[in-house]
């Protein structure tokens, strides 16, 4: 399972490539568009959650003046 924003970025670009495939047509294209909409909705929620986690980390660091590890979901590859 992939759980970082970097992994999410890779999934989004892969979906973009599938949508750009000119050989995908008709019902297959409709299914791909529906899939893309679902992925986009979930990605937006993940990014929003990541922003919240990052903001909370900034507040905690400023309040406690101690360093904390980066939350796992924000780690790069």
N, C-alpha and C. Protein backbone atom coordinates (compact mmCIF):
# COMPACT_ATOMS: atom_id res chain seq x y z
N UNK A 1 0.84 -1.18 0.00
CA UNK A 1 0.00 0.00 0.00
C UNK A 1 0.89 1.25 0.00
N UNK A 2 0.51 2.26 -0.73
CA UNK A 2 1.29 3.48 -0.84
C UNK A 2 0.60 4.57 -0.05
N UNK A 3 1.37 5.29 0.76
CA UNK A 3 0.74 6.21 1.69
C UNK A 3 1.37 7.59 1.77
N UNK A 4 2.15 8.02 0.81
CA UNK A 4 2.74 9.35 0.89
C UNK A 4 2.15 10.25 -0.18
N UNK A 5 2.34 11.56 -0.01
CA UNK A 5 1.86 12.50 -1.02
C UNK A 5 2.62 12.32 -2.33
N UNK A 6 3.86 11.87 -2.25
CA UNK A 6 4.62 11.56 -3.46
C UNK A 6 3.98 10.41 -4.23
N UNK A 7 3.54 9.39 -3.50
CA UNK A 7 2.84 8.27 -4.13
C UNK A 7 1.53 8.72 -4.75
N UNK A 8 0.82 9.59 -4.05
CA UNK A 8 -0.43 10.13 -4.57
C UNK A 8 -0.18 10.86 -5.89
N UNK A 9 0.88 11.65 -5.92
CA UNK A 9 1.23 12.38 -7.12
C UNK A 9 1.46 11.43 -8.30
N UNK A 10 2.14 10.31 -8.04
CA UNK A 10 2.37 9.32 -9.09
C UNK A 10 1.05 8.72 -9.59
N UNK A 11 0.14 8.44 -8.67
CA UNK A 11 -1.17 7.90 -9.05
C UNK A 11 -1.95 8.90 -9.91
N UNK A 12 -1.89 10.18 -9.53
CA UNK A 12 -2.61 11.20 -10.30
C UNK A 12 -2.06 11.33 -11.72
N UNK A 13 -0.74 11.30 -11.85
CA UNK A 13 -0.16 11.38 -13.19
C UNK A 13 -0.46 10.13 -14.01
N UNK A 14 -0.49 8.97 -13.37
CA UNK A 14 -0.85 7.74 -14.08
C UNK A 14 -2.29 7.82 -14.59
N UNK A 15 -3.17 8.36 -13.76
CA UNK A 15 -4.56 8.52 -14.17
C UNK A 15 -4.67 9.50 -15.34
N UNK A 16 -3.89 10.56 -15.27
CA UNK A 16 -3.88 11.54 -16.36
C UNK A 16 -3.43 10.89 -17.68
N UNK A 17 -2.45 10.02 -17.59
CA UNK A 17 -1.98 9.31 -18.79
C UNK A 17 -3.08 8.40 -19.35
N UNK A 18 -3.82 7.72 -18.45
CA UNK A 18 -4.91 6.85 -18.93
C UNK A 18 -5.99 7.68 -19.61
N UNK A 19 -6.29 8.86 -19.05
CA UNK A 19 -7.31 9.72 -19.66
C UNK A 19 -6.84 10.27 -21.01
N UNK A 20 -5.54 10.44 -21.16
CA UNK A 20 -4.99 10.98 -22.40
C UNK A 20 -4.81 9.95 -23.50
N UNK A 21 -5.04 8.68 -23.20
CA UNK A 21 -4.89 7.62 -24.18
C UNK A 21 -6.02 7.72 -25.21
N UNK A 22 -5.68 8.11 -26.41
CA UNK A 22 -6.69 8.34 -27.45
C UNK A 22 -7.34 7.05 -27.94
N UNK A 23 -6.78 5.91 -27.59
CA UNK A 23 -7.37 4.64 -28.00
C UNK A 23 -8.50 4.19 -27.07
N UNK A 24 -8.60 4.82 -25.90
CA UNK A 24 -9.68 4.50 -24.96
C UNK A 24 -10.91 5.30 -25.40
N UNK A 25 -11.99 4.58 -25.73
CA UNK A 25 -13.18 5.23 -26.27
C UNK A 25 -14.44 4.60 -25.70
N UNK A 26 -15.54 5.27 -25.95
CA UNK A 26 -16.85 4.73 -25.60
C UNK A 26 -17.02 4.44 -24.13
N UNK A 27 -17.54 3.25 -23.86
CA UNK A 27 -17.83 2.86 -22.47
C UNK A 27 -16.55 2.81 -21.63
N UNK A 28 -15.46 2.36 -22.21
CA UNK A 28 -14.19 2.32 -21.48
C UNK A 28 -13.76 3.72 -21.07
N UNK A 29 -13.95 4.69 -21.95
CA UNK A 29 -13.60 6.08 -21.62
C UNK A 29 -14.51 6.61 -20.52
N UNK A 30 -15.78 6.29 -20.60
CA UNK A 30 -16.72 6.71 -19.54
C UNK A 30 -16.32 6.14 -18.19
N UNK A 31 -15.96 4.87 -18.18
CA UNK A 31 -15.50 4.24 -16.93
C UNK A 31 -14.23 4.91 -16.42
N UNK A 32 -13.32 5.24 -17.32
CA UNK A 32 -12.07 5.89 -16.91
C UNK A 32 -12.33 7.29 -16.36
N UNK A 33 -13.28 7.99 -16.96
CA UNK A 33 -13.64 9.32 -16.47
C UNK A 33 -14.25 9.23 -15.08
N UNK A 34 -15.13 8.25 -14.87
CA UNK A 34 -15.71 8.05 -13.53
C UNK A 34 -14.64 7.70 -12.51
N UNK A 35 -13.71 6.86 -12.92
CA UNK A 35 -12.61 6.49 -12.03
C UNK A 35 -11.78 7.73 -11.70
N UNK A 36 -11.50 8.54 -12.70
CA UNK A 36 -10.71 9.76 -12.49
C UNK A 36 -11.40 10.71 -11.53
N UNK A 37 -12.71 10.84 -11.65
CA UNK A 37 -13.46 11.71 -10.74
C UNK A 37 -13.36 11.20 -9.30
N UNK A 38 -13.47 9.90 -9.12
CA UNK A 38 -13.38 9.32 -7.79
C UNK A 38 -11.98 9.51 -7.22
N UNK A 39 -10.97 9.28 -8.04
CA UNK A 39 -9.58 9.46 -7.59
C UNK A 39 -9.34 10.91 -7.23
N UNK A 40 -9.85 11.82 -8.04
CA UNK A 40 -9.67 13.25 -7.78
C UNK A 40 -10.31 13.66 -6.47
N UNK A 41 -11.50 13.16 -6.21
CA UNK A 41 -12.20 13.48 -4.96
C UNK A 41 -11.41 12.98 -3.75
N UNK A 42 -10.96 11.74 -3.83
CA UNK A 42 -10.19 11.17 -2.72
C UNK A 42 -8.86 11.90 -2.57
N UNK A 43 -8.20 12.22 -3.67
CA UNK A 43 -6.93 12.94 -3.62
C UNK A 43 -7.10 14.30 -2.95
N UNK A 44 -8.18 14.99 -3.27
CA UNK A 44 -8.44 16.29 -2.65
C UNK A 44 -8.58 16.16 -1.14
N UNK A 45 -9.25 15.11 -0.72
CA UNK A 45 -9.42 14.88 0.73
C UNK A 45 -8.09 14.54 1.40
N UNK A 46 -7.29 13.74 0.73
CA UNK A 46 -5.98 13.38 1.28
C UNK A 46 -5.09 14.62 1.39
N UNK A 47 -5.09 15.45 0.35
CA UNK A 47 -4.28 16.67 0.36
C UNK A 47 -4.76 17.61 1.44
N UNK A 48 -6.06 17.75 1.59
CA UNK A 48 -6.62 18.60 2.64
C UNK A 48 -6.21 18.09 4.03
N UNK A 49 -6.28 16.78 4.21
CA UNK A 49 -5.88 16.18 5.48
C UNK A 49 -4.38 16.40 5.72
N UNK A 50 -3.57 16.25 4.67
CA UNK A 50 -2.13 16.48 4.78
C UNK A 50 -1.83 17.92 5.18
N UNK A 51 -2.59 18.86 4.62
CA UNK A 51 -2.41 20.27 4.98
C UNK A 51 -2.74 20.50 6.45
N UNK A 52 -3.79 19.85 6.92
CA UNK A 52 -4.17 19.96 8.32
C UNK A 52 -3.09 19.39 9.23
N UNK A 53 -2.55 18.24 8.87
CA UNK A 53 -1.49 17.61 9.66
C UNK A 53 -0.25 18.52 9.69
N UNK A 54 0.10 19.08 8.53
CA UNK A 54 1.25 19.97 8.45
C UNK A 54 1.05 21.22 9.31
N UNK A 55 -0.13 21.80 9.24
CA UNK A 55 -0.43 22.98 10.05
C UNK A 55 -0.37 22.65 11.54
N UNK A 56 -0.90 21.50 11.92
CA UNK A 56 -0.84 21.07 13.32
C UNK A 56 0.60 20.88 13.77
N UNK A 57 1.43 20.33 12.89
CA UNK A 57 2.85 20.14 13.23
C UNK A 57 3.53 21.48 13.43
N UNK A 58 3.23 22.46 12.57
CA UNK A 58 3.82 23.79 12.72
C UNK A 58 3.41 24.43 14.04
N UNK A 59 2.14 24.31 14.37
CA UNK A 59 1.66 24.87 15.63
C UNK A 59 2.33 24.18 16.81
N UNK A 60 2.43 22.86 16.76
CA UNK A 60 3.05 22.11 17.85
C UNK A 60 4.51 22.51 18.01
N UNK A 61 5.23 22.65 16.92
CA UNK A 61 6.64 23.03 16.99
C UNK A 61 6.80 24.43 17.55
N UNK A 62 5.95 25.34 17.15
CA UNK A 62 6.03 26.71 17.65
C UNK A 62 5.63 26.79 19.11
N UNK A 63 4.64 25.98 19.50
CA UNK A 63 4.15 26.01 20.88
C UNK A 63 5.11 25.32 21.84
N UNK A 64 5.62 24.18 21.44
CA UNK A 64 6.45 23.38 22.33
C UNK A 64 7.94 23.62 22.13
N UNK A 65 8.27 24.23 21.00
CA UNK A 65 9.67 24.52 20.66
C UNK A 65 10.54 23.27 20.69
N UNK A 66 9.98 22.15 20.25
CA UNK A 66 10.75 20.91 20.14
C UNK A 66 10.57 20.36 18.74
N UNK A 67 11.53 19.59 18.28
CA UNK A 67 11.42 18.99 16.96
C UNK A 67 10.71 17.65 17.07
N UNK A 68 9.82 17.42 16.11
CA UNK A 68 9.07 16.17 16.05
C UNK A 68 9.31 15.55 14.68
N UNK A 69 9.22 14.24 14.58
CA UNK A 69 9.39 13.62 13.27
C UNK A 69 8.26 14.03 12.32
N UNK A 70 8.55 13.98 11.03
CA UNK A 70 7.55 14.29 10.02
C UNK A 70 6.50 13.18 10.05
N UNK A 71 5.20 13.54 10.06
CA UNK A 71 4.17 12.50 10.02
C UNK A 71 4.36 11.61 8.80
N UNK A 72 4.11 10.32 8.96
CA UNK A 72 4.38 9.33 7.91
C UNK A 72 3.74 9.68 6.58
N UNK A 73 2.50 10.18 6.62
CA UNK A 73 1.82 10.47 5.35
C UNK A 73 2.46 11.60 4.56
N UNK A 74 3.31 12.42 5.19
CA UNK A 74 3.95 13.53 4.52
C UNK A 74 5.36 13.19 4.03
N UNK A 75 5.83 11.99 4.36
CA UNK A 75 7.17 11.60 3.95
C UNK A 75 7.26 11.44 2.43
N UNK A 76 8.41 11.76 1.88
CA UNK A 76 8.67 11.52 0.46
C UNK A 76 9.14 10.10 0.28
N UNK A 77 9.53 9.78 -0.93
CA UNK A 77 10.03 8.42 -1.19
C UNK A 77 11.42 8.25 -0.65
